[in-house]
C-alpha atoms as a PDB file:
ATOM      1  CA  MET A   1       5.523 -20.636   5.172  1.00  0.00           C
ATOM      2  CA  ARG A   2       5.332 -17.119   6.602  1.00  0.00           C
ATOM      3  CA  GLU A   3       3.495 -16.651   9.888  1.00  0.00           C
ATOM      4  CA  SER A   4       0.109 -14.986   9.825  1.00  0.00           C
ATOM      5  CA  GLN A   5      -0.111 -11.227   9.349  1.00  0.00           C
ATOM      6  CA  LYS A   6      -3.764 -10.990  10.290  1.00  0.00           C
ATOM      7  CA  ASN A   7      -5.193  -7.638  11.152  1.00  0.00           C
ATOM      8  CA  GLU A   8      -7.392  -6.741  14.065  1.00  0.00           C
ATOM      9  CA  PRO A   9     -11.041  -6.105  13.271  1.00  0.00           C
ATOM     10  CA  PHE A  10     -11.746  -2.704  11.837  1.00  0.00           C
ATOM     11  CA  GLU A  11     -14.468  -0.932   9.930  1.00  0.00           C
ATOM     12  CA  THR A  12     -13.896  -0.066   6.286  1.00  0.00           C
ATOM     13  CA  PRO A  13     -13.831   3.718   6.000  1.00  0.00           C
ATOM     14  CA  ALA A  14     -16.258   5.494   3.725  1.00  0.00           C
ATOM     15  CA  ARG A  15     -14.430   6.259   0.471  1.00  0.00           C
ATOM     16  CA  SER A  16     -15.353   9.914   0.861  1.00  0.00           C
ATOM     17  CA  THR A  17     -13.185  10.066   4.016  1.00  0.00           C
ATOM     18  CA  ILE A  18     -10.107   8.220   2.735  1.00  0.00           C
ATOM     19  CA  ARG A  19      -8.267  11.217   1.245  1.00  0.00           C
ATOM     20  CA  GLY A  20      -8.747  13.372   4.339  1.00  0.00           C
ATOM     21  CA  SER A  21      -7.790  10.651   6.784  1.00  0.00           C
ATOM     22  CA  THR A  22      -4.756   9.793   4.647  1.00  0.00           C
ATOM     23  CA  ARG A  23      -3.540  13.406   4.815  1.00  0.00           C
ATOM     24  CA  GLY A  24      -3.803  13.315   8.606  1.00  0.00           C
ATOM     25  CA  HIS A  25      -2.105   9.930   8.824  1.00  0.00           C
ATOM     26  CA  VAL A  26       0.751  11.067   6.558  1.00  0.00           C
ATOM     27  CA  ALA A  27       1.288  14.161   8.718  1.00  0.00           C
ATOM     28  CA  SER A  28       1.443  11.979  11.838  1.00  0.00           C
ATOM     29  CA  MET A  29       3.898   9.600  10.154  1.00  0.00           C
ATOM     30  CA  GLU A  30       6.173  12.494   9.241  1.00  0.00           C
ATOM     31  CA  GLU A  31       6.183  13.717  12.853  1.00  0.00           C
ATOM     32  CA  SER A  32       6.516  10.484  14.807  1.00  0.00           C
ATOM     33  CA  ASN A  33       8.050   7.020  14.783  1.00  0.00           C
ATOM     34  CA  ASP A  34       5.643   5.839  17.492  1.00  0.00           C
ATOM     35  CA  ASP A  35       3.990   2.453  16.913  1.00  0.00           C
ATOM     36  CA  ALA A  36       0.601   4.061  17.578  1.00  0.00           C
ATOM     37  CA  VAL A  37       1.054   5.990  14.313  1.00  0.00           C
ATOM     38  CA  TRP A  38       2.611   3.215  12.217  1.00  0.00           C
ATOM     39  CA  ILE A  39       0.468   0.243  13.333  1.00  0.00           C
ATOM     40  CA  LEU A  40      -3.301   0.592  12.957  1.00  0.00           C
ATOM     41  CA  SER A  41      -5.849  -2.209  13.335  1.00  0.00           C
ATOM     42  CA  GLY A  42      -2.917  -4.574  13.822  1.00  0.00           C
ATOM     43  CA  MET A  43      -1.483  -3.719  10.389  1.00  0.00           C
ATOM     44  CA  ARG A  44       1.891  -2.092   9.876  1.00  0.00           C
ATOM     45  CA  HIS A  45       1.791   0.921   7.565  1.00  0.00           C
ATOM     46  CA  LEU A  46       4.278   2.567   5.270  1.00  0.00           C
ATOM     47  CA  LEU A  47       4.595   6.012   3.764  1.00  0.00           C
ATOM     48  CA  LEU A  48       4.799   5.930  -0.038  1.00  0.00           C
ATOM     49  CA  VAL A  49       6.106   9.007  -1.846  1.00  0.00           C
ATOM     50  CA  THR A  50       5.437   9.245  -5.582  1.00  0.00           C
ATOM     51  CA  THR A  51       5.379  11.989  -8.193  1.00  0.00           C
ATOM     52  CA  GLY A  52       2.025  12.933  -9.682  1.00  0.00           C
ATOM     53  CA  TRP A  53       2.109  11.651 -13.261  1.00  0.00           C
ATOM     54  CA  ARG A  54       0.181  14.663 -14.556  1.00  0.00           C
ATOM     55  CA  SER A  55       0.985  17.360 -12.002  1.00  0.00           C
ATOM     56  CA  GLY A  56       4.631  16.519 -11.306  1.00  0.00           C
ATOM     57  CA  GLU A  57       3.928  17.251  -7.637  1.00  0.00           C
ATOM     58  CA  VAL A  58       5.060  15.128  -4.706  1.00  0.00           C
ATOM     59  CA  ARG A  59       2.280  12.794  -3.553  1.00  0.00           C
ATOM     60  CA  LYS A  60       2.229  10.868  -0.276  1.00  0.00           C
ATOM     61  CA  ALA A  61       0.085   7.954   0.805  1.00  0.00           C
ATOM     62  CA  ALA A  62      -0.146   6.062   4.094  1.00  0.00           C
ATOM     63  CA  LEU A  63      -0.758   2.402   3.237  1.00  0.00           C
ATOM     64  CA  PRO A  64      -1.057  -0.838   5.175  1.00  0.00           C
ATOM     65  CA  PHE A  65       1.355  -3.467   3.913  1.00  0.00           C
ATOM     66  CA  TRP A  66       1.805  -7.211   4.003  1.00  0.00           C
ATOM     67  CA  LEU A  67       5.200  -8.921   3.777  1.00  0.00           C
ATOM     68  CA  ASP A  68       5.920 -11.559   1.134  1.00  0.00           C
ATOM     69  CA  GLU A  69       8.182 -14.564   1.771  1.00  0.00           C
ATOM     70  CA  ALA A  70      11.278 -12.432   1.086  1.00  0.00           C
ATOM     71  CA  ASP A  71      10.095  -9.731   3.551  1.00  0.00           C
ATOM     72  CA  HIS A  72       9.282  -7.248   0.769  1.00  0.00           C
ATOM     73  CA  PRO A  73       6.280  -5.027   1.510  1.00  0.00           C
ATOM     74  CA  ILE A  74       3.215  -5.634  -0.643  1.00  0.00           C
ATOM     75  CA  VAL A  75       0.640  -2.845  -0.882  1.00  0.00           C
ATOM     76  CA  VAL A  76      -2.880  -3.268  -2.217  1.00  0.00           C
ATOM     77  CA  ALA A  77      -4.497  -0.727  -4.554  1.00  0.00           C
ATOM     78  CA  SER A  78      -7.970  -1.518  -3.280  1.00  0.00           C
ATOM     79  CA  TYR A  79      -9.349   1.961  -2.579  1.00  0.00           C
ATOM     80  CA  ALA A  80     -11.952   0.076  -0.498  1.00  0.00           C
ATOM     81  CA  GLY A  81     -13.392  -1.521  -3.639  1.00  0.00           C
ATOM     82  CA  ALA A  82     -13.918   1.696  -5.631  1.00  0.00           C
ATOM     83  CA  ALA A  83     -14.485   1.424  -9.386  1.00  0.00           C
ATOM     84  CA  GLY A  84     -11.199   3.220 -10.156  1.00  0.00           C
ATOM     85  CA  HIS A  85      -7.641   2.785  -8.974  1.00  0.00           C
ATOM     86  CA  PRO A  86      -6.309   5.026  -6.202  1.00  0.00           C
ATOM     87  CA  GLY A  87      -4.181   7.982  -7.283  1.00  0.00           C
ATOM     88  CA  TRP A  88      -0.952   6.572  -5.840  1.00  0.00           C
ATOM     89  CA  TYR A  89      -1.342   3.479  -8.031  1.00  0.00           C
ATOM     90  CA  LEU A  90      -2.026   5.556 -11.161  1.00  0.00           C
ATOM     91  CA  ASN A  91       1.253   7.342 -10.435  1.00  0.00           C
ATOM     92  CA  LEU A  92       3.070   3.984 -10.274  1.00  0.00           C
ATOM     93  CA  GLU A  93       1.608   2.894 -13.613  1.00  0.00           C
ATOM     94  CA  HIS A  94       3.540   5.757 -15.201  1.00  0.00           C
ATOM     95  CA  ARG A  95       7.043   4.361 -14.884  1.00  0.00           C
ATOM     96  CA  ASP A  96       8.475   7.220 -16.951  1.00  0.00           C
ATOM     97  CA  VAL A  97       7.597   9.503 -13.999  1.00  0.00           C
ATOM     98  CA  ASN A  98       7.802   6.987 -11.133  1.00  0.00           C
ATOM     99  CA  GLY A  99      10.543   4.514 -12.014  1.00  0.00           C
ATOM    100  CA  GLN A 100      11.714   4.894  -8.433  1.00  0.00           C
ATOM    101  CA  VAL A 101       9.669   5.881  -5.384  1.00  0.00           C
ATOM    102  CA  GLN A 102      10.488   6.600  -1.768  1.00  0.00           C
ATOM    103  CA  VAL A 103       9.244   4.292   0.968  1.00  0.00           C
ATOM    104  CA  ARG A 104       9.407   4.912   4.700  1.00  0.00           C
ATOM    105  CA  ILE A 105       8.589   2.346   7.345  1.00  0.00           C
ATOM    106  CA  GLN A 106       8.956   4.083  10.694  1.00  0.00           C
ATOM    107  CA  GLU A 107      12.670   4.866  11.087  1.00  0.00           C
ATOM    108  CA  ARG A 108      13.758   3.170   7.856  1.00  0.00           C
ATOM    109  CA  ALA A 109      13.547   4.882   4.480  1.00  0.00           C
ATOM    110  CA  TYR A 110      14.609   3.573   1.088  1.00  0.00           C
ATOM    111  CA  THR A 111      14.253   3.930  -2.661  1.00  0.00           C
ATOM    112  CA  SER A 112      12.194   1.302  -4.461  1.00  0.00           C
ATOM    113  CA  ALA A 113      11.461   0.333  -8.040  1.00  0.00           C
ATOM    114  CA  PRO A 114       7.836  -0.821  -7.636  1.00  0.00           C
ATOM    115  CA  ASP A 115       6.904  -4.204  -9.039  1.00  0.00           C
ATOM    116  CA  ILE A 116       3.255  -4.511 -10.102  1.00  0.00           C
ATOM    117  CA  LEU A 117       2.461  -8.201  -9.671  1.00  0.00           C
ATOM    118  CA  ASP A 118       0.839 -10.318 -12.361  1.00  0.00           C
ATOM    119  CA  GLY A 119       0.211 -13.919 -13.374  1.00  0.00           C
ATOM    120  CA  ASP A 120       0.862 -16.846 -11.055  1.00  0.00           C
ATOM    121  CA  GLU A 121       2.777 -14.663  -8.620  1.00  0.00           C
ATOM    122  CA  TYR A 122      -0.208 -12.331  -8.253  1.00  0.00           C
ATOM    123  CA  ILE A 123      -2.510 -15.288  -7.585  1.00  0.00           C
ATOM    124  CA  ALA A 124      -0.171 -16.826  -4.984  1.00  0.00           C
ATOM    125  CA  ILE A 125       0.336 -13.540  -3.122  1.00  0.00           C
ATOM    126  CA  TRP A 126      -3.371 -12.626  -3.327  1.00  0.00           C
ATOM    127  CA  ASP A 127      -4.381 -16.031  -1.924  1.00  0.00           C
ATOM    128  CA  ALA A 128      -1.880 -15.893   0.955  1.00  0.00           C
ATOM    129  CA  MET A 129      -2.594 -12.260   1.803  1.00  0.00           C
ATOM    130  CA  THR A 130      -6.373 -12.628   1.760  1.00  0.00           C
ATOM    131  CA  GLU A 131      -6.094 -15.574   4.146  1.00  0.00           C
ATOM    132  CA  ASP A 132      -4.780 -13.028   6.644  1.00  0.00           C
ATOM    133  CA  ARG A 133      -6.871 -10.090   5.465  1.00  0.00           C
ATOM    134  CA  PRO A 134     -10.138 -11.390   4.019  1.00  0.00           C
ATOM    135  CA  PHE A 135     -11.612  -7.882   3.756  1.00  0.00           C
ATOM    136  CA  TYR A 136      -9.623  -7.484   0.511  1.00  0.00           C
ATOM    137  CA  ARG A 137     -11.819 -10.208  -1.000  1.00  0.00           C
ATOM    138  CA  ASP A 138     -14.848  -8.136   0.031  1.00  0.00           C
ATOM    139  CA  TYR A 139     -13.325  -5.108  -1.719  1.00  0.00           C
ATOM    140  CA  GLN A 140     -12.689  -7.184  -4.855  1.00  0.00           C
ATOM    141  CA  ALA A 141     -16.353  -8.222  -4.882  1.00  0.00           C
ATOM    142  CA  LEU A 142     -17.341  -4.534  -4.986  1.00  0.00           C
ATOM    143  CA  THR A 143     -15.489  -3.713  -8.208  1.00  0.00           C
ATOM    144  CA  GLU A 144     -15.023  -5.117 -11.695  1.00  0.00           C
ATOM    145  CA  ARG A 145     -11.372  -4.063 -11.895  1.00  0.00           C
ATOM    146  CA  ARG A 146      -8.748  -6.470 -10.640  1.00  0.00           C
ATOM    147  CA  ILE A 147      -7.285  -4.962  -7.485  1.00  0.00           C
ATOM    148  CA  PRO A 148      -3.538  -4.506  -8.066  1.00  0.00           C
ATOM    149  CA  LEU A 149      -0.794  -5.750  -5.771  1.00  0.00           C
ATOM    150  CA  VAL A 150       2.503  -3.871  -5.716  1.00  0.00           C
ATOM    151  CA  ARG A 151       5.787  -5.092  -4.248  1.00  0.00           C
ATOM    152  CA  LEU A 152       8.093  -2.365  -2.913  1.00  0.00           C
ATOM    153  CA  PRO A 153      11.574  -3.914  -2.643  1.00  0.00           C
ATOM    154  CA  ASP A 154      14.410  -2.031  -0.960  1.00  0.00           C
ATOM    155  CA  ASN A 155      16.667  -1.092  -3.887  1.00  0.00           C
ATOM    156  CA  THR A 156      18.920   1.465  -2.220  1.00  0.00           C
ATOM    157  CA  ALA A 157      19.182   2.764   1.323  1.00  0.00           C
ATOM    158  CA  VAL A 158      18.333   6.435   1.728  1.00  0.00           C
END
C-alpha cells in the first residue's frame, strides 16, 4: 500500500478566483523549479498543457496531483465542486484534439495520453485518494456531476 499523500490544511479558494490564481501559478511554474512554486499546501503540483477543443489555442493549468500505486499522477477535475467540469477536463474529453498532452512536474516534462478513470478502478482510486485528501469528498457533495479522475502516464520523454 502506498504511503499517505495527505495535504496540509488549506482553504478552498472561491471559484471566482481560480482562473486568475491559476494564471499566476502557471507563470511561476514556467519561471522556476523551486519547491515553493511546485508544492502548495503539502501537495505537489503539475503543469498540464492541452489544446482548446474549440479554440485550438494552447491552454495551461496548474493542478495538484496524487500518485497511484504505479507512481502515475492522478489529477482531479473538481473545480472546487462547481456544477460544470473545468475547462482543462473538457479539453481532455475531446480526444480528437487532445489525444496527447504535455505534462511538466518541476524539471521533468513528458507527453501523456490521458486516461479518464471509470468503473472499479475509479472507485478504488477515489477511495484511496480521498483518505488522504478528504476535501474532494466535500467538493463531490457540492455537485451532482461525478468528479472525474484522470491518470497522466509518462508515454514519451520530452
